Amino acid sequence: MPTCGLDERVGDVRQRVEAAGWDACVVVNQERIVLGLLRSGELGRDAEMVAERAMRPGPSTFRPFRPIDETAAYMVEHNLENSPVTTADGRLVGLLRRADAVTAAHELHAHGHG
């Protein structure tokens, strides 16, 4: 899962994100606190723009302990392709893709755990 800092150029971040097979980058500070998110729309902006100006500040985040079916439903309802997973103090744990959340929720229900 790609991360970047506030002062990184969008063009540099875009190259790293694409090379890693992702379509988003989480903007974090040195303590890995989530500050914003660069999704495909923001990554397509001016290559010279810095992440701080291009990012979506304060993205929707989820906690690791939240039930996956609730998370998947929220992501579908709000059309979120991906969303950061954080600790209570905002520290990045990972980036959850909506498709992965929906698949996990279906598998959970298929095995009688939902």
C-alpha atoms as a PDB file:
ATOM      1  CA  MET A   1       0.000   0.000   0.000  1.00  0.00           C
ATOM      2  CA  PRO A   2       1.640   3.204  -1.149  1.00  0.00           C
ATOM      3  CA  THR A   3       2.126   6.123   1.206  1.00  0.00           C
ATOM      4  CA  CYS A   4       3.543   9.571   0.645  1.00  0.00           C
ATOM      5  CA  GLY A   5       4.307  12.781   2.474  1.00  0.00           C
ATOM      6  CA  LEU A   6       2.705  16.200   2.119  1.00  0.00           C
ATOM      7  CA  ASP A   7       5.601  17.660   0.132  1.00  0.00           C
ATOM      8  CA  GLU A   8       5.968  14.904  -2.485  1.00  0.00           C
ATOM      9  CA  ARG A   9       5.188  15.724  -6.114  1.00  0.00           C
ATOM     10  CA  VAL A  10       2.036  14.111  -7.539  1.00  0.00           C
ATOM     11  CA  GLY A  11       3.965  12.900 -10.600  1.00  0.00           C
ATOM     12  CA  ASP A  12       6.482  11.012  -8.455  1.00  0.00           C
ATOM     13  CA  VAL A  13       3.723   9.549  -6.292  1.00  0.00           C
ATOM     14  CA  ARG A  14       1.704   8.484  -9.359  1.00  0.00           C
ATOM     15  CA  GLN A  15       4.679   6.547 -10.759  1.00  0.00           C
ATOM     16  CA  ARG A  16       5.202   4.738  -7.449  1.00  0.00           C
ATOM     17  CA  VAL A  17       1.506   3.946  -7.055  1.00  0.00           C
ATOM     18  CA  GLU A  18       1.152   2.562 -10.581  1.00  0.00           C
ATOM     19  CA  ALA A  19       4.345   0.505 -10.267  1.00  0.00           C
ATOM     20  CA  ALA A  20       2.944  -1.066  -7.085  1.00  0.00           C
ATOM     21  CA  GLY A  21      -0.353  -1.965  -8.803  1.00  0.00           C
ATOM     22  CA  TRP A  22      -2.528   0.393  -6.760  1.00  0.00           C
ATOM     23  CA  ASP A  23      -4.785   3.302  -7.711  1.00  0.00           C
ATOM     24  CA  ALA A  24      -4.481   5.321  -4.500  1.00  0.00           C
ATOM     25  CA  CYS A  25      -1.926   6.628  -2.030  1.00  0.00           C
ATOM     26  CA  VAL A  26      -2.388   7.466   1.638  1.00  0.00           C
ATOM     27  CA  VAL A  27      -0.815  10.783   2.660  1.00  0.00           C
ATOM     28  CA  VAL A  28       0.768  10.418   6.099  1.00  0.00           C
ATOM     29  CA  ASN A  29       3.086  12.318   8.420  1.00  0.00           C
ATOM     30  CA  GLN A  30       6.286  10.898   9.946  1.00  0.00           C
ATOM     31  CA  GLU A  31       4.278   9.075  12.631  1.00  0.00           C
ATOM     32  CA  ARG A  32       2.082   7.462   9.910  1.00  0.00           C
ATOM     33  CA  ILE A  33      -0.953   9.490  10.967  1.00  0.00           C
ATOM     34  CA  VAL A  34      -3.372   9.716   8.024  1.00  0.00           C
ATOM     35  CA  LEU A  35      -3.643  13.269   6.694  1.00  0.00           C
ATOM     36  CA  GLY A  36      -5.333  12.657   3.364  1.00  0.00           C
ATOM     37  CA  LEU A  37      -5.831  10.411   0.377  1.00  0.00           C
ATOM     38  CA  LEU A  38      -4.816  10.634  -3.258  1.00  0.00           C
ATOM     39  CA  ARG A  39      -7.195   8.563  -5.391  1.00  0.00           C
ATOM     40  CA  SER A  40      -6.956   8.186  -9.165  1.00  0.00           C
ATOM     41  CA  GLY A  41      -8.566  11.587  -9.792  1.00  0.00           C
ATOM     42  CA  GLU A  42      -6.031  13.391  -7.634  1.00  0.00           C
ATOM     43  CA  LEU A  43      -3.151  11.312  -9.001  1.00  0.00           C
ATOM     44  CA  GLY A  44      -4.083  12.490 -12.504  1.00  0.00           C
ATOM     45  CA  ARG A  45      -3.574  16.144 -11.614  1.00  0.00           C
ATOM     46  CA  ASP A  46      -0.568  18.328 -12.421  1.00  0.00           C
ATOM     47  CA  ALA A  47       2.586  16.261 -11.907  1.00  0.00           C
ATOM     48  CA  GLU A  48       4.359  19.213 -10.260  1.00  0.00           C
ATOM     49  CA  MET A  49       1.634  19.777  -7.650  1.00  0.00           C
ATOM     50  CA  VAL A  50       2.511  18.601  -4.142  1.00  0.00           C
ATOM     51  CA  ALA A  51       0.394  16.002  -2.367  1.00  0.00           C
ATOM     52  CA  GLU A  52      -0.787  18.507   0.245  1.00  0.00           C
ATOM     53  CA  ARG A  53      -2.535  20.600  -2.433  1.00  0.00           C
ATOM     54  CA  ALA A  54      -3.889  17.640  -4.435  1.00  0.00           C
ATOM     55  CA  MET A  55      -5.080  15.332  -1.642  1.00  0.00           C
ATOM     56  CA  ARG A  56      -8.546  14.813  -0.219  1.00  0.00           C
ATOM     57  CA  PRO A  57      -8.025  15.793   3.427  1.00  0.00           C
ATOM     58  CA  GLY A  58      -9.635  13.832   6.244  1.00  0.00           C
ATOM     59  CA  PRO A  59     -10.774  10.739   4.331  1.00  0.00           C
ATOM     60  CA  SER A  60     -13.276   8.275   5.790  1.00  0.00           C
ATOM     61  CA  THR A  61     -11.352   5.718   7.825  1.00  0.00           C
ATOM     62  CA  PHE A  62     -12.226   2.431   9.485  1.00  0.00           C
ATOM     63  CA  ARG A  63     -10.899   0.606  12.541  1.00  0.00           C
ATOM     64  CA  PRO A  64      -9.515  -2.929  12.171  1.00  0.00           C
ATOM     65  CA  PHE A  65     -12.100  -4.357  14.582  1.00  0.00           C
ATOM     66  CA  ARG A  66     -15.171  -3.072  12.695  1.00  0.00           C
ATOM     67  CA  PRO A  67     -17.209  -5.968  11.222  1.00  0.00           C
ATOM     68  CA  ILE A  68     -16.311  -6.417   7.548  1.00  0.00           C
ATOM     69  CA  ASP A  69     -19.942  -6.626   6.430  1.00  0.00           C
ATOM     70  CA  GLU A  70     -20.656  -3.196   7.974  1.00  0.00           C
ATOM     71  CA  THR A  71     -17.524  -1.760   6.406  1.00  0.00           C
ATOM     72  CA  ALA A  72     -18.345  -3.212   2.970  1.00  0.00           C
ATOM     73  CA  ALA A  73     -21.918  -1.892   3.127  1.00  0.00           C
ATOM     74  CA  TYR A  74     -20.701   1.601   4.061  1.00  0.00           C
ATOM     75  CA  MET A  75     -18.130   1.608   1.260  1.00  0.00           C
ATOM     76  CA  VAL A  76     -20.752   0.559  -1.305  1.00  0.00           C
ATOM     77  CA  GLU A  77     -23.343   3.049  -0.024  1.00  0.00           C
ATOM     78  CA  HIS A  78     -20.858   5.937  -0.115  1.00  0.00           C
ATOM     79  CA  ASN A  79     -19.123   4.810  -3.332  1.00  0.00           C
ATOM     80  CA  LEU A  80     -15.682   4.539  -1.700  1.00  0.00           C
ATOM     81  CA  GLU A  81     -13.279   2.568  -3.898  1.00  0.00           C
ATOM     82  CA  ASN A  82     -10.830   2.333  -1.016  1.00  0.00           C
ATOM     83  CA  SER A  83     -10.410   3.665   2.475  1.00  0.00           C
ATOM     84  CA  PRO A  84      -7.624   3.781   5.058  1.00  0.00           C
ATOM     85  CA  VAL A  85      -7.787   1.502   8.086  1.00  0.00           C
ATOM     86  CA  THR A  86      -6.403   3.265  11.161  1.00  0.00           C
ATOM     87  CA  THR A  87      -5.924   2.923  14.885  1.00  0.00           C
ATOM     88  CA  ALA A  88      -8.015   5.107  17.208  1.00  0.00           C
ATOM     89  CA  ASP A  89      -5.291   7.780  17.124  1.00  0.00           C
ATOM     90  CA  GLY A  90      -5.278   7.890  13.306  1.00  0.00           C
ATOM     91  CA  ARG A  91      -2.159   5.787  12.678  1.00  0.00           C
ATOM     92  CA  LEU A  92      -2.305   3.948   9.344  1.00  0.00           C
ATOM     93  CA  VAL A  93      -2.786   0.173   9.480  1.00  0.00           C
ATOM     94  CA  GLY A  94      -3.637  -0.417   5.813  1.00  0.00           C
ATOM     95  CA  LEU A  95      -5.742   0.558   2.819  1.00  0.00           C
ATOM     96  CA  LEU A  96      -8.897  -1.484   2.266  1.00  0.00           C
ATOM     97  CA  ARG A  97     -10.231  -1.864  -1.261  1.00  0.00           C
ATOM     98  CA  ARG A  98     -14.012  -1.969  -1.573  1.00  0.00           C
ATOM     99  CA  ALA A  99     -13.868  -5.065  -3.799  1.00  0.00           C
ATOM    100  CA  ASP A 100     -11.846  -6.892  -1.127  1.00  0.00           C
ATOM    101  CA  ALA A 101     -14.264  -5.826   1.626  1.00  0.00           C
ATOM    102  CA  VAL A 102     -17.303  -7.013  -0.364  1.00  0.00           C
ATOM    103  CA  THR A 103     -15.634 -10.347  -1.190  1.00  0.00           C
ATOM    104  CA  ALA A 104     -14.668 -10.923   2.453  1.00  0.00           C
ATOM    105  CA  ALA A 105     -18.203 -10.090   3.632  1.00  0.00           C
ATOM    106  CA  HIS A 106     -19.718 -12.537   1.112  1.00  0.00           C
ATOM    107  CA  GLU A 107     -17.280 -15.274   2.147  1.00  0.00           C
ATOM    108  CA  LEU A 108     -18.084 -14.681   5.808  1.00  0.00           C
ATOM    109  CA  HIS A 109     -21.811 -15.067   5.175  1.00  0.00           C
ATOM    110  CA  ALA A 110     -21.293 -18.070   2.870  1.00  0.00           C
ATOM    111  CA  HIS A 111     -19.505 -19.892   5.691  1.00  0.00           C
ATOM    112  CA  GLY A 112     -22.263 -19.088   8.187  1.00  0.00           C
ATOM    113  CA  HIS A 113     -20.321 -16.529  10.229  1.00  0.00           C
ATOM    114  CA  GLY A 114     -22.483 -13.526   9.443  1.00  0.00           C
END
